PDB file of all heavy atoms in Angstrom:
ATOM      1  N   ALA A   1      14.740 -27.362  -8.237  1.00  0.00           N
ATOM      2  CA  ALA A   1      14.860 -28.171  -7.132  1.00  0.00           C
ATOM      3  C   ALA A   1      13.887 -29.408  -7.529  1.00  0.00           C
ATOM      4  O   ALA A   1      13.230 -29.485  -8.605  1.00  0.00           O
ATOM      5  CB  ALA A   1      14.145 -27.616  -5.902  1.00  0.00           C
ATOM      6  N   ILE A   2      14.082 -30.497  -6.755  1.00  0.00           N
ATOM      7  CA  ILE A   2      13.278 -31.740  -7.069  1.00  0.00           C
ATOM      8  C   ILE A   2      12.517 -32.102  -5.746  1.00  0.00           C
ATOM      9  O   ILE A   2      12.997 -31.736  -4.609  1.00  0.00           O
ATOM     10  CB  ILE A   2      14.099 -32.829  -7.567  1.00  0.00           C
ATOM     11  CG1 ILE A   2      15.237 -33.175  -6.576  1.00  0.00           C
ATOM     12  CG2 ILE A   2      14.597 -32.500  -8.982  1.00  0.00           C
ATOM     13  CD1 ILE A   2      15.972 -34.375  -6.921  1.00  0.00           C
ATOM     14  N   GLY A   3      11.470 -32.855  -5.871  1.00  0.00           N
ATOM     15  CA  GLY A   3      10.707 -33.373  -4.718  1.00  0.00           C
ATOM     16  C   GLY A   3      10.446 -34.860  -4.799  1.00  0.00           C
ATOM     17  O   GLY A   3      10.305 -35.429  -5.977  1.00  0.00           O
ATOM     18  N   TYR A   4      10.328 -35.428  -3.766  1.00  0.00           N
ATOM     19  CA  TYR A   4      10.027 -36.948  -3.659  1.00  0.00           C
ATOM     20  C   TYR A   4       9.069 -37.192  -2.445  1.00  0.00           C
ATOM     21  O   TYR A   4       9.431 -36.717  -1.312  1.00  0.00           O
ATOM     22  CB  TYR A   4      11.292 -37.747  -3.491  1.00  0.00           C
ATOM     23  CG  TYR A   4      11.262 -39.214  -3.602  1.00  0.00           C
ATOM     24  CD1 TYR A   4      11.260 -39.898  -4.730  1.00  0.00           C
ATOM     25  CD2 TYR A   4      10.931 -39.858  -2.408  1.00  0.00           C
ATOM     26  CE1 TYR A   4      11.143 -41.359  -4.720  1.00  0.00           C
ATOM     27  CE2 TYR A   4      10.853 -41.198  -2.423  1.00  0.00           C
ATOM     28  CZ  TYR A   4      10.852 -41.957  -3.672  1.00  0.00           C
ATOM     29  OH  TYR A   4      10.722 -43.356  -3.744  1.00  0.00           O
ATOM     30  N   THR A   5       8.168 -37.986  -2.571  1.00  0.00           N
ATOM     31  CA  THR A   5       7.260 -38.315  -1.552  1.00  0.00           C
ATOM     32  C   THR A   5       7.678 -39.628  -0.971  1.00  0.00           C
ATOM     33  O   THR A   5       7.816 -40.663  -1.645  1.00  0.00           O
ATOM     34  CB  THR A   5       5.779 -38.518  -2.081  1.00  0.00           C
ATOM     35  OG1 THR A   5       5.270 -37.184  -2.517  1.00  0.00           O
ATOM     36  CG2 THR A   5       4.857 -39.048  -0.914  1.00  0.00           C
ATOM     37  N   MET A   6       7.763 -39.715   0.361  1.00  0.00           N
ATOM     38  CA  MET A   6       8.236 -40.842   1.118  1.00  0.00           C
ATOM     39  C   MET A   6       7.083 -41.376   1.980  1.00  0.00           C
ATOM     40  O   MET A   6       6.646 -40.589   2.833  1.00  0.00           O
ATOM     41  CB  MET A   6       9.445 -40.603   1.862  1.00  0.00           C
ATOM     42  CG  MET A   6       9.973 -41.681   2.860  1.00  0.00           C
ATOM     43  SD  MET A   6      10.377 -43.200   2.024  1.00  0.00           S
ATOM     44  CE  MET A   6      11.954 -42.587   1.195  1.00  0.00           C
ATOM     45  N   TYR A   7       6.684 -42.588   1.811  1.00  0.00           N
ATOM     46  CA  TYR A   7       5.614 -43.193   2.679  1.00  0.00           C
ATOM     47  C   TYR A   7       6.275 -44.164   3.662  1.00  0.00           C
ATOM     48  O   TYR A   7       6.235 -45.412   3.413  1.00  0.00           O
ATOM     49  CB  TYR A   7       4.634 -43.817   1.845  1.00  0.00           C
ATOM     50  CG  TYR A   7       3.763 -43.031   1.064  1.00  0.00           C
ATOM     51  CD1 TYR A   7       3.339 -43.348  -0.327  1.00  0.00           C
ATOM     52  CD2 TYR A   7       3.213 -41.762   1.652  1.00  0.00           C
ATOM     53  CE1 TYR A   7       2.609 -42.590  -1.120  1.00  0.00           C
ATOM     54  CE2 TYR A   7       2.490 -40.958   0.766  1.00  0.00           C
ATOM     55  CZ  TYR A   7       2.106 -41.306  -0.481  1.00  0.00           C
ATOM     56  OH  TYR A   7       1.298 -40.396  -1.216  1.00  0.00           O
ATOM     57  N   ALA A   8       6.954 -43.598   4.581  1.00  0.00           N
ATOM     58  CA  ALA A   8       7.572 -44.570   5.620  1.00  0.00           C
ATOM     59  C   ALA A   8       6.467 -45.263   6.394  1.00  0.00           C
ATOM     60  O   ALA A   8       5.346 -44.565   6.723  1.00  0.00           O
ATOM     61  CB  ALA A   8       8.577 -43.773   6.528  1.00  0.00           C
ATOM     62  N   GLY A   9       6.513 -46.499   6.594  1.00  0.00           N
ATOM     63  CA  GLY A   9       5.572 -47.302   7.449  1.00  0.00           C
ATOM     64  C   GLY A   9       4.742 -48.092   6.459  1.00  0.00           C
ATOM     65  O   GLY A   9       4.004 -48.932   6.944  1.00  0.00           O
ATOM     66  N   SER A  10       4.858 -47.890   5.122  1.00  0.00           N
ATOM     67  CA  SER A  10       4.148 -48.661   4.214  1.00  0.00           C
ATOM     68  C   SER A  10       4.923 -50.100   3.984  1.00  0.00           C
ATOM     69  O   SER A  10       6.197 -50.190   4.289  1.00  0.00           O
ATOM     70  CB  SER A  10       4.207 -47.877   2.890  1.00  0.00           C
ATOM     71  OG  SER A  10       3.795 -48.791   1.853  1.00  0.00           O
ATOM     72  N   LEU A  11       4.225 -50.944   3.517  1.00  0.00           N
ATOM     73  CA  LEU A  11       4.880 -52.266   3.127  1.00  0.00           C
ATOM     74  C   LEU A  11       5.919 -52.091   2.083  1.00  0.00           C
ATOM     75  O   LEU A  11       6.733 -52.879   1.932  1.00  0.00           O
ATOM     76  CB  LEU A  11       3.795 -53.224   2.534  1.00  0.00           C
ATOM     77  CG  LEU A  11       2.791 -53.800   3.682  1.00  0.00           C
ATOM     78  CD1 LEU A  11       1.779 -54.628   2.932  1.00  0.00           C
ATOM     79  CD2 LEU A  11       3.395 -54.474   4.789  1.00  0.00           C
ATOM     80  N   HIS A  12       5.817 -50.986   1.309  1.00  0.00           N
ATOM     81  CA  HIS A  12       6.769 -50.682   0.272  1.00  0.00           C
ATOM     82  C   HIS A  12       7.864 -49.651   0.764  1.00  0.00           C
ATOM     83  O   HIS A  12       8.551 -49.122  -0.172  1.00  0.00           O
ATOM     84  CB  HIS A  12       6.007 -50.121  -0.979  1.00  0.00           C
ATOM     85  CG  HIS A  12       4.837 -51.004  -1.407  1.00  0.00           C
ATOM     86  ND1 HIS A  12       5.276 -52.200  -2.151  1.00  0.00           N
ATOM     87  CD2 HIS A  12       3.536 -51.036  -1.266  1.00  0.00           C
ATOM     88  CE1 HIS A  12       4.123 -52.766  -2.379  1.00  0.00           C
ATOM     89  NE2 HIS A  12       3.129 -52.046  -1.815  1.00  0.00           N
ATOM     90  N   GLU A  13       7.988 -49.512   1.989  1.00  0.00           N
ATOM     91  CA  GLU A  13       9.027 -48.520   2.523  1.00  0.00           C
ATOM     92  C   GLU A  13      10.427 -48.805   1.914  1.00  0.00           C
ATOM     93  O   GLU A  13      11.111 -47.933   1.474  1.00  0.00           O
ATOM     94  CB  GLU A  13       9.016 -48.499   4.017  1.00  0.00           C
ATOM     95  CG  GLU A  13      10.152 -47.596   4.609  1.00  0.00           C
ATOM     96  CD  GLU A  13      10.236 -47.755   6.140  1.00  0.00           C
ATOM     97  OE1 GLU A  13       9.254 -47.388   6.822  1.00  0.00           O
ATOM     98  OE2 GLU A  13      11.307 -48.147   6.650  1.00  0.00           O
ATOM     99  N   ASP A  14      10.759 -50.026   1.948  1.00  0.00           N
ATOM    100  CA  ASP A  14      12.168 -50.384   1.620  1.00  0.00           C
ATOM    101  C   ASP A  14      12.504 -49.991   0.082  1.00  0.00           C
ATOM    102  O   ASP A  14      13.561 -49.617  -0.202  1.00  0.00           O
ATOM    103  CB  ASP A  14      12.441 -52.018   1.741  1.00  0.00           C
ATOM    104  CG  ASP A  14      12.405 -52.304   3.277  1.00  0.00           C
ATOM    105  OD1 ASP A  14      12.385 -51.437   4.125  1.00  0.00           O
ATOM    106  OD2 ASP A  14      12.421 -53.616   3.425  1.00  0.00           O
ATOM    107  N   GLU A  15      11.396 -50.123  -0.694  1.00  0.00           N
ATOM    108  CA  GLU A  15      11.617 -49.927  -2.142  1.00  0.00           C
ATOM    109  C   GLU A  15      11.727 -48.454  -2.366  1.00  0.00           C
ATOM    110  O   GLU A  15      12.550 -48.038  -3.116  1.00  0.00           O
ATOM    111  CB  GLU A  15      10.362 -50.590  -2.966  1.00  0.00           C
ATOM    112  CG  GLU A  15      10.569 -50.248  -4.437  1.00  0.00           C
ATOM    113  CD  GLU A  15       9.391 -50.978  -5.187  1.00  0.00           C
ATOM    114  OE1 GLU A  15       8.615 -51.637  -4.490  1.00  0.00           O
ATOM    115  OE2 GLU A  15       9.376 -50.893  -6.426  1.00  0.00           O
ATOM    116  N   MET A  16      10.985 -47.656  -1.563  1.00  0.00           N
ATOM    117  CA  MET A  16      11.089 -46.202  -1.715  1.00  0.00           C
ATOM    118  C   MET A  16      12.382 -45.611  -1.174  1.00  0.00           C
ATOM    119  O   MET A  16      12.886 -44.623  -1.604  1.00  0.00           O
ATOM    120  CB  MET A  16       9.835 -45.579  -0.996  1.00  0.00           C
ATOM    121  CG  MET A  16       8.593 -46.035  -1.689  1.00  0.00           C
ATOM    122  SD  MET A  16       7.003 -45.122  -0.987  1.00  0.00           S
ATOM    123  CE  MET A  16       7.343 -43.451  -1.685  1.00  0.00           C
ATOM    124  N   TRP A  17      12.846 -46.237  -0.074  1.00  0.00           N
ATOM    125  CA  TRP A  17      14.161 -45.847   0.425  1.00  0.00           C
ATOM    126  C   TRP A  17      15.194 -45.957  -0.630  1.00  0.00           C
ATOM    127  O   TRP A  17      16.130 -45.156  -0.771  1.00  0.00           O
ATOM    128  CB  TRP A  17      14.561 -46.632   1.698  1.00  0.00           C
ATOM    129  CG  TRP A  17      13.805 -46.270   2.915  1.00  0.00           C
ATOM    130  CD1 TRP A  17      12.545 -45.726   3.082  1.00  0.00           C
ATOM    131  CD2 TRP A  17      14.571 -46.138   4.315  1.00  0.00           C
ATOM    132  NE1 TRP A  17      12.351 -45.494   4.417  1.00  0.00           N
ATOM    133  CE2 TRP A  17      13.399 -45.641   5.152  1.00  0.00           C
ATOM    134  CE3 TRP A  17      15.724 -46.410   4.778  1.00  0.00           C
ATOM    135  CZ2 TRP A  17      13.589 -45.441   6.544  1.00  0.00           C
ATOM    136  CZ3 TRP A  17      15.993 -46.237   6.146  1.00  0.00           C
ATOM    137  CH2 TRP A  17      14.926 -45.721   7.032  1.00  0.00           C
ATOM    138  N   LYS A  18      15.225 -47.036  -1.283  1.00  0.00           N
ATOM    139  CA  LYS A  18      16.247 -47.346  -2.311  1.00  0.00           C
ATOM    140  C   LYS A  18      16.009 -46.340  -3.527  1.00  0.00           C
ATOM    141  O   LYS A  18      17.100 -45.753  -3.959  1.00  0.00           O
ATOM    142  CB  LYS A  18      16.026 -48.678  -2.918  1.00  0.00           C
ATOM    143  CG  LYS A  18      16.940 -49.049  -4.060  1.00  0.00           C
ATOM    144  CD  LYS A  18      16.704 -50.406  -4.764  1.00  0.00           C
ATOM    145  CE  LYS A  18      17.537 -50.576  -5.957  1.00  0.00           C
ATOM    146  NZ  LYS A  18      17.281 -51.989  -6.502  1.00  0.00           N
ATOM    147  N   GLU A  19      14.815 -45.984  -3.866  1.00  0.00           N
ATOM    148  CA  GLU A  19      14.608 -45.017  -4.870  1.00  0.00           C
ATOM    149  C   GLU A  19      15.044 -43.639  -4.438  1.00  0.00           C
ATOM    150  O   GLU A  19      15.765 -42.877  -5.216  1.00  0.00           O
ATOM    151  CB  GLU A  19      13.160 -44.969  -5.210  1.00  0.00           C
ATOM    152  CG  GLU A  19      12.661 -45.987  -6.148  1.00  0.00           C
ATOM    153  CD  GLU A  19      11.261 -45.849  -6.574  1.00  0.00           C
ATOM    154  OE1 GLU A  19      10.600 -44.861  -6.207  1.00  0.00           O
ATOM    155  OE2 GLU A  19      10.717 -46.891  -7.283  1.00  0.00           O
ATOM    156  N   PHE A  20      14.776 -43.367  -3.119  1.00  0.00           N
ATOM    157  CA  PHE A  20      15.123 -42.025  -2.725  1.00  0.00           C
ATOM    158  C   PHE A  20      16.743 -41.923  -2.588  1.00  0.00           C
ATOM    159  O   PHE A  20      17.282 -40.783  -2.880  1.00  0.00           O
ATOM    160  CB  PHE A  20      14.742 -41.742  -1.289  1.00  0.00           C
ATOM    161  CG  PHE A  20      14.903 -40.314  -0.723  1.00  0.00           C
ATOM    162  CD1 PHE A  20      14.192 -39.248  -1.236  1.00  0.00           C
ATOM    163  CD2 PHE A  20      15.967 -40.094   0.052  1.00  0.00           C
ATOM    164  CE1 PHE A  20      14.538 -37.940  -0.782  1.00  0.00           C
ATOM    165  CE2 PHE A  20      16.346 -38.967   0.613  1.00  0.00           C
ATOM    166  CZ  PHE A  20      15.589 -37.843   0.191  1.00  0.00           C
ATOM    167  N   ARG A  21      17.443 -42.915  -2.241  1.00  0.00           N
ATOM    168  CA  ARG A  21      18.876 -42.976  -2.236  1.00  0.00           C
ATOM    169  C   ARG A  21      19.397 -42.538  -3.695  1.00  0.00           C
ATOM    170  O   ARG A  21      20.293 -41.705  -3.677  1.00  0.00           O
ATOM    171  CB  ARG A  21      19.405 -44.326  -1.823  1.00  0.00           C
ATOM    172  CG  ARG A  21      21.082 -44.352  -1.908  1.00  0.00           C
ATOM    173  CD  ARG A  21      21.515 -45.691  -1.597  1.00  0.00           C
ATOM    174  NE  ARG A  21      20.935 -46.855  -2.384  1.00  0.00           N
ATOM    175  CZ  ARG A  21      21.450 -47.167  -3.584  1.00  0.00           C
ATOM    176  NH1 ARG A  21      22.279 -46.514  -4.256  1.00  0.00           N
ATOM    177  NH2 ARG A  21      20.734 -48.254  -4.248  1.00  0.00           N
ATOM    178  N   GLU A  22      18.832 -43.203  -4.671  1.00  0.00           N
ATOM    179  CA  GLU A  22      19.292 -42.884  -6.020  1.00  0.00           C
ATOM    180  C   GLU A  22      18.979 -41.428  -6.409  1.00  0.00           C
ATOM    181  O   GLU A  22      19.822 -40.769  -7.042  1.00  0.00           O
ATOM    182  CB  GLU A  22      18.682 -43.843  -7.070  1.00  0.00           C
ATOM    183  CG  GLU A  22      19.094 -45.215  -6.779  1.00  0.00           C
ATOM    184  CD  GLU A  22      18.284 -46.309  -7.492  1.00  0.00           C
ATOM    185  OE1 GLU A  22      17.053 -45.941  -8.082  1.00  0.00           O
ATOM    186  OE2 GLU A  22      18.618 -47.407  -7.596  1.00  0.00           O
ATOM    187  N   VAL A  23      17.751 -41.003  -5.970  1.00  0.00           N
ATOM    188  CA  VAL A  23      17.471 -39.581  -6.459  1.00  0.00           C
ATOM    189  C   VAL A  23      18.298 -38.614  -5.570  1.00  0.00           C
ATOM    190  O   VAL A  23      18.787 -37.601  -6.097  1.00  0.00           O
ATOM    191  CB  VAL A  23      15.866 -39.342  -5.947  1.00  0.00           C
ATOM    192  CG1 VAL A  23      15.622 -37.851  -5.937  1.00  0.00           C
ATOM    193  CG2 VAL A  23      15.039 -40.142  -6.949  1.00  0.00           C
ATOM    194  N   GLN A  24      18.470 -38.822  -4.252  1.00  0.00           N
ATOM    195  CA  GLN A  24      19.305 -37.886  -3.482  1.00  0.00           C
ATOM    196  C   GLN A  24      20.744 -37.802  -4.091  1.00  0.00           C
ATOM    197  O   GLN A  24      21.265 -36.767  -4.087  1.00  0.00           O
ATOM    198  CB  GLN A  24      19.243 -38.360  -1.986  1.00  0.00           C
ATOM    199  CG  GLN A  24      19.799 -37.422  -0.989  1.00  0.00           C
ATOM    200  CD  GLN A  24      21.299 -37.610  -0.689  1.00  0.00           C
ATOM    201  OE1 GLN A  24      21.842 -38.549  -1.075  1.00  0.00           O
ATOM    202  NE2 GLN A  24      21.793 -36.589   0.166  1.00  0.00           N
ATOM    203  N   GLU A  25      21.345 -38.857  -4.371  1.00  0.00           N
ATOM    204  CA  GLU A  25      22.610 -38.867  -4.844  1.00  0.00           C
ATOM    205  C   GLU A  25      22.721 -38.167  -6.214  1.00  0.00           C
ATOM    206  O   GLU A  25      23.744 -37.450  -6.396  1.00  0.00           O
ATOM    207  CB  GLU A  25      23.228 -40.362  -4.783  1.00  0.00           C
ATOM    208  CG  GLU A  25      23.458 -40.939  -3.448  1.00  0.00           C
ATOM    209  CD  GLU A  25      24.021 -42.303  -3.407  1.00  0.00           C
ATOM    210  OE1 GLU A  25      24.085 -42.882  -4.391  1.00  0.00           O
ATOM    211  OE2 GLU A  25      24.072 -42.834  -2.342  1.00  0.00           O
ATOM    212  N   ALA A  26      21.773 -38.465  -7.027  1.00  0.00           N
ATOM    213  CA  ALA A  26      21.805 -37.668  -8.321  1.00  0.00           C
ATOM    214  C   ALA A  26      21.643 -36.272  -8.177  1.00  0.00           C
ATOM    215  O   ALA A  26      22.231 -35.364  -8.822  1.00  0.00           O
ATOM    216  CB  ALA A  26      20.726 -38.326  -9.307  1.00  0.00           C
ATOM    217  N   ALA A  27      20.781 -35.891  -7.127  1.00  0.00           N
ATOM    218  CA  ALA A  27      20.608 -34.391  -6.874  1.00  0.00           C
ATOM    219  C   ALA A  27      21.819 -33.730  -6.456  1.00  0.00           C
ATOM    220  O   ALA A  27      22.001 -32.653  -6.815  1.00  0.00           O
ATOM    221  CB  ALA A  27      19.525 -34.306  -5.848  1.00  0.00           C
ATOM    222  N   ARG A  28      22.725 -34.392  -5.733  1.00  0.00           N
ATOM    223  CA  ARG A  28      23.945 -33.851  -5.228  1.00  0.00           C
ATOM    224  C   ARG A  28      24.940 -33.710  -6.437  1.00  0.00           C
ATOM    225  O   ARG A  28      25.567 -32.683  -6.437  1.00  0.00           O
ATOM    226  CB  ARG A  28      24.614 -34.888  -4.298  1.00  0.00           C
ATOM    227  CG  ARG A  28      23.904 -34.812  -2.870  1.00  0.00           C
ATOM    228  CD  ARG A  28      23.954 -33.646  -1.993  1.00  0.00           C
ATOM    229  NE  ARG A  28      23.243 -33.635  -0.845  1.00  0.00           N
ATOM    230  CZ  ARG A  28      22.042 -33.062  -0.679  1.00  0.00           C
ATOM    231  NH1 ARG A  28      21.435 -32.402  -1.736  1.00  0.00           N
ATOM    232  NH2 ARG A  28      21.406 -33.226   0.481  1.00  0.00           N
ATOM    233  N   GLN A  29      24.760 -34.631  -7.401  1.00  0.00           N
ATOM    234  CA  GLN A  29      25.666 -34.455  -8.566  1.00  0.00           C
ATOM    235  C   GLN A  29      25.244 -33.094  -9.363  1.00  0.00           C
ATOM    236  O   GLN A  29      26.192 -32.493  -9.964  1.00  0.00           O
ATOM    237  CB  GLN A  29      25.544 -35.591  -9.514  1.00  0.00           C
ATOM    238  CG  GLN A  29      26.093 -36.933  -8.958  1.00  0.00           C
ATOM    239  CD  GLN A  29      27.590 -36.940  -8.735  1.00  0.00           C
ATOM    240  OE1 GLN A  29      28.244 -36.414  -9.722  1.00  0.00           O
ATOM    241  NE2 GLN A  29      28.024 -37.469  -7.653  1.00  0.00           N
ATOM    242  N   TYR A  30      24.021 -32.748  -9.359  1.00  0.00           N
ATOM    243  CA  TYR A  30      23.552 -31.656 -10.084  1.00  0.00           C
ATOM    244  C   TYR A  30      23.437 -30.381  -9.226  1.00  0.00           C
ATOM    245  O   TYR A  30      23.125 -29.378  -9.649  1.00  0.00           O
ATOM    246  CB  TYR A  30      22.227 -31.825 -10.645  1.00  0.00           C
ATOM    247  CG  TYR A  30      22.218 -32.755 -11.856  1.00  0.00           C
ATOM    248  CD1 TYR A  30      21.943 -34.098 -11.779  1.00  0.00           C
ATOM    249  CD2 TYR A  30      22.697 -32.232 -13.151  1.00  0.00           C
ATOM    250  CE1 TYR A  30      21.896 -35.004 -13.022  1.00  0.00           C
ATOM    251  CE2 TYR A  30      22.690 -33.105 -14.303  1.00  0.00           C
ATOM    252  CZ  TYR A  30      22.332 -34.378 -14.086  1.00  0.00           C
ATOM    253  OH  TYR A  30      22.317 -35.204 -15.312  1.00  0.00           O
ATOM    254  N   SER A  31      23.673 -30.558  -7.819  1.00  0.00           N
ATOM    255  CA  SER A  31      23.631 -29.394  -7.011  1.00  0.00           C
ATOM    256  C   SER A  31      22.338 -28.832  -6.894  1.00  0.00           C
ATOM    257  O   SER A  31      22.228 -27.535  -6.893  1.00  0.00           O
ATOM    258  CB  SER A  31      24.713 -28.359  -7.408  1.00  0.00           C
ATOM    259  OG  SER A  31      26.014 -28.955  -7.084  1.00  0.00           O
ATOM    260  N   VAL A  32      21.225 -29.550  -6.881  1.00  0.00           N
ATOM    261  CA  VAL A  32      19.888 -29.017  -6.788  1.00  0.00           C
ATOM    262  C   VAL A  32      19.431 -29.597  -5.469  1.00  0.00           C
ATOM    263  O   VAL A  32      19.615 -30.607  -5.004  1.00  0.00           O
ATOM    264  CB  VAL A  32      18.956 -29.365  -7.952  1.00  0.00           C
ATOM    265  CG1 VAL A  32      19.383 -28.806  -9.200  1.00  0.00           C
ATOM    266  CG2 VAL A  32      18.898 -30.903  -8.162  1.00  0.00           C
ATOM    267  N   PRO A  33      18.607 -28.749  -4.754  1.00  0.00           N
ATOM    268  CA  PRO A  33      18.083 -29.239  -3.384  1.00  0.00           C
ATOM    269  C   PRO A  33      16.932 -30.170  -3.704  1.00  0.00           C
ATOM    270  O   PRO A  33      16.238 -30.097  -4.682  1.00  0.00           O
ATOM    271  CB  PRO A  33      17.679 -27.880  -2.850  1.00  0.00           C
ATOM    272  CG  PRO A  33      17.396 -26.913  -3.924  1.00  0.00           C
ATOM    273  CD  PRO A  33      18.356 -27.259  -5.051  1.00  0.00           C
ATOM    274  N   ILE A  34      16.824 -31.015  -2.610  1.00  0.00           N
ATOM    275  CA  ILE A  34      15.719 -32.095  -2.709  1.00  0.00           C
ATOM    276  C   ILE A  34      14.782 -31.842  -1.502  1.00  0.00           C
ATOM    277  O   ILE A  34      15.165 -31.708  -0.392  1.00  0.00           O
ATOM    278  CB  ILE A  34      16.273 -33.548  -2.750  1.00  0.00           C
ATOM    279  CG1 ILE A  34      15.055 -34.546  -2.738  1.00  0.00           C
ATOM    280  CG2 ILE A  34      17.251 -33.670  -1.678  1.00  0.00           C
ATOM    281  CD1 ILE A  34      15.561 -35.824  -3.207  1.00  0.00           C
ATOM    282  N   VAL A  35      13.439 -31.722  -1.810  1.00  0.00           N
ATOM    283  CA  VAL A  35      12.449 -31.586  -0.844  1.00  0.00           C
ATOM    284  C   VAL A  35      11.725 -32.941  -0.627  1.00  0.00           C
ATOM    285  O   VAL A  35      11.259 -33.482  -1.627  1.00  0.00           O
ATOM    286  CB  VAL A  35      11.426 -30.503  -1.218  1.00  0.00           C
ATOM    287  CG1 VAL A  35      10.403 -30.390  -0.135  1.00  0.00           C
ATOM    288  CG2 VAL A  35      12.051 -29.170  -1.485  1.00  0.00           C
ATOM    289  N   MET A  36      11.752 -33.462   0.539  1.00  0.00           N
ATOM    290  CA  MET A  36      11.040 -34.690   0.745  1.00  0.00           C
ATOM    291  C   MET A  36       9.728 -34.417   1.309  1.00  0.00           C
ATOM    292  O   MET A  36       9.565 -33.757   2.457  1.00  0.00           O
ATOM    293  CB  MET A  36      11.840 -35.617   1.856  1.00  0.00           C
ATOM    294  CG  MET A  36      11.074 -36.957   2.209  1.00  0.00           C
ATOM    295  SD  MET A  36      11.841 -37.808   3.661  1.00  0.00           S
ATOM    296  CE  MET A  36      13.290 -38.585   2.790  1.00  0.00           C
ATOM    297  N   TRP A  37       8.672 -34.976   0.679  1.00  0.00           N
ATOM    298  CA  TRP A  37       7.296 -34.930   1.266  1.00  0.00           C
ATOM    299  C   TRP A  37       7.291 -36.286   2.134  1.00  0.00           C
ATOM    300  O   TRP A  37       7.160 -37.370   1.748  1.00  0.00           O
ATOM    301  CB  TRP A  37       6.315 -35.173   0.170  1.00  0.00           C
ATOM    302  CG  TRP A  37       5.758 -34.104  -0.661  1.00  0.00           C
ATOM    303  CD1 TRP A  37       4.415 -33.829  -0.814  1.00  0.00           C
ATOM    304  CD2 TRP A  37       6.359 -33.075  -1.416  1.00  0.00           C
ATOM    305  NE1 TRP A  37       4.175 -32.646  -1.588  1.00  0.00           N
ATOM    306  CE2 TRP A  37       5.431 -32.163  -1.999  1.00  0.00           C
ATOM    307  CE3 TRP A  37       7.664 -32.675  -1.652  1.00  0.00           C
ATOM    308  CZ2 TRP A  37       5.666 -31.139  -2.842  1.00  0.00           C
ATOM    309  CZ3 TRP A  37       7.982 -31.712  -2.394  1.00  0.00           C
ATOM    310  CH2 TRP A  37       7.038 -30.893  -2.984  1.00  0.00           C
ATOM    311  N   SER A  38       7.498 -35.979   3.399  1.00  0.00           N
ATOM    312  CA  SER A  38       7.624 -37.099   4.353  1.00  0.00           C
ATOM    313  C   SER A  38       6.289 -37.313   4.991  1.00  0.00           C
ATOM    314  O   SER A  38       5.851 -36.663   5.971  1.00  0.00           O
ATOM    315  CB  SER A  38       8.647 -36.796   5.465  1.00  0.00           C
ATOM    316  OG  SER A  38       8.981 -37.989   6.133  1.00  0.00           O
ATOM    317  N   TYR A  39       5.535 -38.372   4.629  1.00  0.00           N
ATOM    318  CA  TYR A  39       4.174 -38.786   5.066  1.00  0.00           C
ATOM    319  C   TYR A  39       4.229 -40.205   5.607  1.00  0.00           C
ATOM    320  O   TYR A  39       3.730 -41.042   4.900  1.00  0.00           O
ATOM    321  CB  TYR A  39       3.249 -38.622   4.022  1.00  0.00           C
ATOM    322  CG  TYR A  39       2.964 -37.124   3.522  1.00  0.00           C
ATOM    323  CD1 TYR A  39       2.353 -36.956   2.215  1.00  0.00           C
ATOM    324  CD2 TYR A  39       3.317 -36.026   4.153  1.00  0.00           C
ATOM    325  CE1 TYR A  39       2.184 -35.589   1.795  1.00  0.00           C
ATOM    326  CE2 TYR A  39       3.084 -34.734   3.846  1.00  0.00           C
ATOM    327  CZ  TYR A  39       2.518 -34.516   2.562  1.00  0.00           C
ATOM    328  OH  TYR A  39       2.384 -33.327   2.008  1.00  0.00           O
TER     329      TYR A  39
END
């Protein structure tokens, strides 16, 4: 599995959303679950 920390509410939220999109779609290609550390 893979994990990704998301800091919604930060000035850098938009950049992290873009990164998470790429991570999430790649995870689907490999059929591994993704755990979001949502803080």
